[in-house]
């Protein structure tokens, strides 16, 4: 997939009007990937959060969104991104065997400590041959953090390690793994990898990294008013768009990309 293939809609603009710019860039990149991926009904979104991503990325309501946190589940229900929203654990999905024809999990699995049990449950509730599509940060994520690389260059290795641990902690990551690790993990749960590619270049990652610090006003807005972005008009997103647009226009596949997108299939 390359940037000379026009998207059907302005994913970057739709994300920036509601999300901090660094998160909006990443989510806009991911939303484009789903355009050509069939997601037959009934579909499941594991870790649906507040439903914002689904409302932008998918042309139809997915049948079920599930998340362990009550607040986001209520917000997803109000947003109408799913026909049904459920508060529950991915390790104990309240659905019968072989119920779903497809499933997605967008930037969620990296946050789950006991991941193997969740993947086994996902395999249980999917039909034979059903697609499971997800994306996660990979083995390039921590080495490519710009501040960590600065400490590497000046030979301050203890500071580089400490910074990477810090950023991984604030990102709430439990898994930043390479494709072979994922392939083994998925095979043990009953999945096979159909396709995988890396995305989000080191320069794009730097935008995300520094955005965590420059985006603090958005966090204050979220805490006080329940919204990341107070003014959704074009003038208010012009600067964030100017910052993020060049990275959104990069080739989708980046060999050194810090994230990986997986299309997998429940084994027959």
Foldseek 3Di string as FASTA:
>chain_A
DALVDDAPDDQLLLQLLFHQLLVSLVLSLVLRVCPPPDFDPQEEEEQCFLVSSLVRRDPDAHAEYEHQDDVSQVNNVVVRSHVYYYHDDLLDDPAAFQAGQEYEYEADQQLDQPNLSSLLSVLRNHHAFHKYKYKYFAPLLLVLAPVLVVCVVVPNNVVSVVVSVVVCVVVNGPDHYDPVVVQVSNVVSQKHFPDKAAFQDSVSSNVSNCSVVVQVVLVVCCVPPVTSHDGSDPVVCVVSCVVSVVRSNGTGGDRSHRMMITIMTGHD
